[in-house]
Amino acid sequence: MNITFRMLVEVAVTGLLVCALAAIFFAVRRAIRGRPKSSAELFTVIAATGDAAALEQTVRDLLWLTRSGRMKTRIVIADCGLCEQTRKLAELLAGDFGNITLCTPVELPLVLEENGWSL
């Protein structure tokens, strides 16, 4: 029975080593190759009205996706009647991060054209 237990432990350790080596291989491969580059640029337009309670969290979630490399996007906050306090928050977010633009719905086509898009 001692030999069977020892063989079981050796098989388990060997399996763990194989898994660890595979994980290292794929991590190195991904680091070398990186993510595929896309020439397309995504614009995320947030139409915000009133107090827009979830605006800051939505923007921070999009920034996380961008910084983590999961999504490449420019964020456009369209002020569709924000209250004064939320407008100031949107202005601060746009000032703090280079990929955020604040505009009115009327200005939206101009913002997109400035970035190479046409409607």
Protein backbone atom coordinates (compact mmCIF):
# COMPACT_ATOMS: atom_id res chain seq x y z
CA MET A 1 0.00 0.00 0.00
CA ASN A 2 2.94 2.32 0.62
CA ILE A 3 4.11 1.94 -2.99
CA THR A 4 0.64 2.78 -4.35
CA PHE A 5 0.41 5.95 -2.26
CA ARG A 6 3.89 7.00 -3.33
CA MET A 7 3.01 6.45 -7.00
CA LEU A 8 -0.16 8.48 -6.55
CA VAL A 9 1.81 11.36 -5.04
CA GLU A 10 4.37 11.20 -7.87
CA VAL A 11 1.62 11.28 -10.50
CA ALA A 12 -0.05 14.25 -8.76
CA VAL A 13 3.23 16.17 -8.50
CA THR A 14 4.04 15.43 -12.14
CA GLY A 15 0.59 16.67 -13.18
CA LEU A 16 1.06 19.88 -11.21
CA LEU A 17 4.48 20.43 -12.77
CA VAL A 18 3.06 19.93 -16.26
CA CYS A 19 0.27 22.44 -15.53
CA ALA A 20 2.77 24.96 -14.13
CA LEU A 21 5.04 24.63 -17.16
CA ALA A 22 2.08 25.04 -19.51
CA ALA A 23 0.97 28.17 -17.64
CA ILE A 24 4.49 29.62 -17.84
CA PHE A 25 4.69 28.79 -21.55
CA PHE A 26 1.40 30.54 -22.34
CA ALA A 27 2.26 33.55 -20.17
CA VAL A 28 5.61 34.00 -21.92
CA ARG A 29 3.99 33.49 -25.32
CA ARG A 30 1.36 36.13 -24.59
CA ALA A 31 4.00 38.55 -23.29
CA ILE A 32 6.06 38.14 -26.44
CA ARG A 33 3.21 38.23 -28.94
CA GLY A 34 0.96 40.66 -27.09
CA ARG A 35 -2.63 41.25 -28.02
CA PRO A 36 -3.59 41.66 -31.64
CA LYS A 37 -3.59 45.29 -32.69
CA SER A 38 -6.77 46.67 -34.17
CA SER A 39 -6.86 49.69 -36.42
CA ALA A 40 -10.47 50.37 -35.50
CA GLU A 41 -11.17 52.87 -32.77
CA LEU A 42 -14.25 52.56 -30.64
CA PHE A 43 -16.13 55.56 -29.31
CA THR A 44 -18.33 55.02 -26.27
CA VAL A 45 -20.96 57.74 -26.03
CA ILE A 46 -22.65 58.16 -22.67
CA ALA A 47 -25.84 60.21 -22.96
CA ALA A 48 -26.09 61.70 -19.47
CA THR A 49 -29.10 63.56 -18.10
CA GLY A 50 -30.10 65.03 -14.74
CA ASP A 51 -27.94 63.95 -11.83
CA ALA A 52 -26.65 60.90 -13.78
CA ALA A 53 -26.04 58.96 -10.57
CA ALA A 54 -24.04 56.21 -12.27
CA LEU A 55 -21.95 58.48 -14.54
CA GLU A 56 -18.74 58.42 -12.51
CA GLN A 57 -18.85 54.65 -11.94
CA THR A 58 -19.62 54.02 -15.63
CA VAL A 59 -16.65 56.16 -16.68
CA ARG A 60 -14.35 54.48 -14.16
CA ASP A 61 -15.47 51.03 -15.37
CA LEU A 62 -14.70 52.02 -18.97
CA LEU A 63 -11.32 53.40 -17.91
CA TRP A 64 -10.55 50.11 -16.17
CA LEU A 65 -11.39 48.20 -19.36
CA THR A 66 -9.14 50.54 -21.33
CA ARG A 67 -6.20 50.44 -18.91
CA SER A 68 -6.36 46.66 -18.54
CA GLY A 69 -6.14 46.27 -22.32
CA ARG A 70 -9.53 44.61 -22.65
CA MET A 71 -10.95 47.42 -24.78
CA LYS A 72 -9.59 50.40 -26.68
CA THR A 73 -12.10 53.24 -26.59
CA ARG A 74 -12.52 56.96 -26.41
CA ILE A 75 -15.22 58.05 -24.01
CA VAL A 76 -17.60 60.83 -25.00
CA ILE A 77 -19.98 62.19 -22.38
CA ALA A 78 -22.91 63.85 -24.13
CA ASP A 79 -24.48 66.41 -21.80
CA CYS A 80 -28.19 65.94 -22.45
CA GLY A 81 -29.22 68.19 -19.58
CA LEU A 82 -26.91 67.43 -16.68
CA CYS A 83 -27.46 69.21 -13.39
CA GLU A 84 -24.75 71.73 -12.45
CA GLN A 85 -23.00 69.45 -9.94
CA THR A 86 -22.84 66.49 -12.32
CA ARG A 87 -21.69 68.76 -15.17
CA LYS A 88 -18.74 69.83 -12.96
CA LEU A 89 -17.96 66.16 -12.26
CA ALA A 90 -18.03 65.41 -15.98
CA GLU A 91 -15.71 68.37 -16.63
CA LEU A 92 -13.29 67.08 -13.98
CA LEU A 93 -13.31 63.58 -15.49
CA ALA A 94 -12.72 64.99 -18.97
CA GLY A 95 -9.88 67.15 -17.65
CA ASP A 96 -8.20 64.32 -15.73
CA PHE A 97 -8.17 61.73 -18.50
CA GLY A 98 -7.05 62.29 -22.09
CA ASN A 99 -9.47 59.87 -23.68
CA ILE A 100 -12.64 61.53 -22.29
CA THR A 101 -14.49 64.31 -24.10
CA LEU A 102 -17.47 66.27 -22.80
CA CYS A 103 -19.86 67.78 -25.33
CA THR A 104 -23.50 68.53 -26.04
CA PRO A 105 -25.55 66.34 -28.39
CA VAL A 106 -25.30 69.11 -31.02
CA GLU A 107 -21.49 69.07 -30.78
CA LEU A 108 -21.26 65.26 -30.98
CA PRO A 109 -20.92 65.03 -34.80
CA LEU A 110 -18.13 67.64 -34.66
CA VAL A 111 -16.31 65.72 -31.92
CA LEU A 112 -16.49 62.54 -33.98
CA GLU A 113 -15.34 64.33 -37.16
CA GLU A 114 -12.35 65.78 -35.30
CA ASN A 115 -11.33 62.21 -34.52
CA GLY A 116 -11.67 60.96 -38.07
CA TRP A 117 -15.28 59.77 -38.00
CA SER A 118 -18.12 61.07 -40.10
CA LEU A 119 -21.82 60.54 -39.66
